[in-house]
């Protein structure tokens, strides 16, 4: 059985509940993203290689200045 929502109002209720539950923890720093690595835009190809390697543990951040 696939997981999904057949009605948009059900999805809206779930998302609203998730935001209400998670927002305080995000705002006060209890929940933080797991960042694997950061790359400058000049090294975008290195970032792509890291992503393609499937070895990253967390997000790969690409800084665009």
C-alpha atoms as a PDB file:
ATOM      1  CA  UNK A   1       0.000   0.000   0.000  1.00  0.00           C
ATOM      2  CA  UNK A   2       1.548   3.329  -0.992  1.00  0.00           C
ATOM      3  CA  UNK A   3       1.851   6.090   1.561  1.00  0.00           C
ATOM      4  CA  UNK A   4       0.121   9.217   0.462  1.00  0.00           C
ATOM      5  CA  UNK A   5      -2.752  11.571   0.918  1.00  0.00           C
ATOM      6  CA  UNK A   6      -5.730  11.410  -1.361  1.00  0.00           C
ATOM      7  CA  UNK A   7      -7.045  14.795  -0.299  1.00  0.00           C
ATOM      8  CA  UNK A   8      -5.121  18.021  -0.095  1.00  0.00           C
ATOM      9  CA  UNK A   9      -6.798  18.983   3.186  1.00  0.00           C
ATOM     10  CA  UNK A  10      -5.372  15.829   4.826  1.00  0.00           C
ATOM     11  CA  UNK A  11      -1.900  16.691   3.577  1.00  0.00           C
ATOM     12  CA  UNK A  12      -2.366  20.262   4.800  1.00  0.00           C
ATOM     13  CA  UNK A  13      -3.327  19.044   8.265  1.00  0.00           C
ATOM     14  CA  UNK A  14      -0.296  16.760   8.470  1.00  0.00           C
ATOM     15  CA  UNK A  15       2.091  19.493   7.313  1.00  0.00           C
ATOM     16  CA  UNK A  16       0.549  22.017   9.680  1.00  0.00           C
ATOM     17  CA  UNK A  17       0.977  19.635  12.587  1.00  0.00           C
ATOM     18  CA  UNK A  18       4.567  18.915  11.623  1.00  0.00           C
ATOM     19  CA  UNK A  19       5.410  22.612  11.427  1.00  0.00           C
ATOM     20  CA  UNK A  20       3.778  23.278  14.788  1.00  0.00           C
ATOM     21  CA  UNK A  21       5.699  20.416  16.395  1.00  0.00           C
ATOM     22  CA  UNK A  22       9.080  21.047  14.780  1.00  0.00           C
ATOM     23  CA  UNK A  23       9.288  24.833  14.476  1.00  0.00           C
ATOM     24  CA  UNK A  24      10.276  25.508  18.110  1.00  0.00           C
ATOM     25  CA  UNK A  25      13.087  22.937  17.948  1.00  0.00           C
ATOM     26  CA  UNK A  26      14.353  24.348  14.659  1.00  0.00           C
ATOM     27  CA  UNK A  27      14.244  27.912  15.918  1.00  0.00           C
ATOM     28  CA  UNK A  28      16.072  27.269  19.184  1.00  0.00           C
ATOM     29  CA  UNK A  29      18.725  25.048  17.622  1.00  0.00           C
ATOM     30  CA  UNK A  30      17.740  21.669  19.095  1.00  0.00           C
ATOM     31  CA  UNK A  31      17.319  20.354  15.550  1.00  0.00           C
ATOM     32  CA  UNK A  32      20.004  21.207  13.022  1.00  0.00           C
ATOM     33  CA  UNK A  33      20.716  19.966   9.510  1.00  0.00           C
ATOM     34  CA  UNK A  34      23.488  17.433   9.089  1.00  0.00           C
ATOM     35  CA  UNK A  35      25.949  18.985   6.647  1.00  0.00           C
ATOM     36  CA  UNK A  36      28.449  16.655   5.017  1.00  0.00           C
ATOM     37  CA  UNK A  37      30.450  19.264   3.141  1.00  0.00           C
ATOM     38  CA  UNK A  38      30.416  22.815   1.826  1.00  0.00           C
ATOM     39  CA  UNK A  39      31.614  23.943  -1.585  1.00  0.00           C
ATOM     40  CA  UNK A  40      32.080  27.304  -3.190  1.00  0.00           C
ATOM     41  CA  UNK A  41      30.415  27.757  -6.567  1.00  0.00           C
ATOM     42  CA  UNK A  42      33.861  27.725  -8.189  1.00  0.00           C
ATOM     43  CA  UNK A  43      34.236  24.102  -7.093  1.00  0.00           C
ATOM     44  CA  UNK A  44      30.782  22.970  -8.214  1.00  0.00           C
ATOM     45  CA  UNK A  45      32.206  19.950 -10.045  1.00  0.00           C
ATOM     46  CA  UNK A  46      33.785  18.683  -6.831  1.00  0.00           C
ATOM     47  CA  UNK A  47      30.391  19.029  -5.148  1.00  0.00           C
ATOM     48  CA  UNK A  48      28.748  17.066  -7.949  1.00  0.00           C
ATOM     49  CA  UNK A  49      31.387  14.335  -7.641  1.00  0.00           C
ATOM     50  CA  UNK A  50      30.779  14.147  -3.887  1.00  0.00           C
ATOM     51  CA  UNK A  51      27.043  13.857  -4.463  1.00  0.00           C
ATOM     52  CA  UNK A  52      27.496  11.195  -7.153  1.00  0.00           C
ATOM     53  CA  UNK A  53      29.812   9.160  -4.907  1.00  0.00           C
ATOM     54  CA  UNK A  54      26.907   8.272  -2.579  1.00  0.00           C
ATOM     55  CA  UNK A  55      29.381   8.641   0.305  1.00  0.00           C
ATOM     56  CA  UNK A  56      28.002  11.893   1.699  1.00  0.00           C
ATOM     57  CA  UNK A  57      26.484  11.693   5.149  1.00  0.00           C
ATOM     58  CA  UNK A  58      24.107  14.647   5.216  1.00  0.00           C
ATOM     59  CA  UNK A  59      23.587  17.587   2.933  1.00  0.00           C
ATOM     60  CA  UNK A  60      26.072  19.030   0.478  1.00  0.00           C
ATOM     61  CA  UNK A  61      25.980  22.817   0.572  1.00  0.00           C
ATOM     62  CA  UNK A  62      26.885  24.897  -2.468  1.00  0.00           C
ATOM     63  CA  UNK A  63      27.589  28.544  -1.661  1.00  0.00           C
ATOM     64  CA  UNK A  64      26.655  31.015  -4.364  1.00  0.00           C
ATOM     65  CA  UNK A  65      28.115  34.464  -3.758  1.00  0.00           C
END
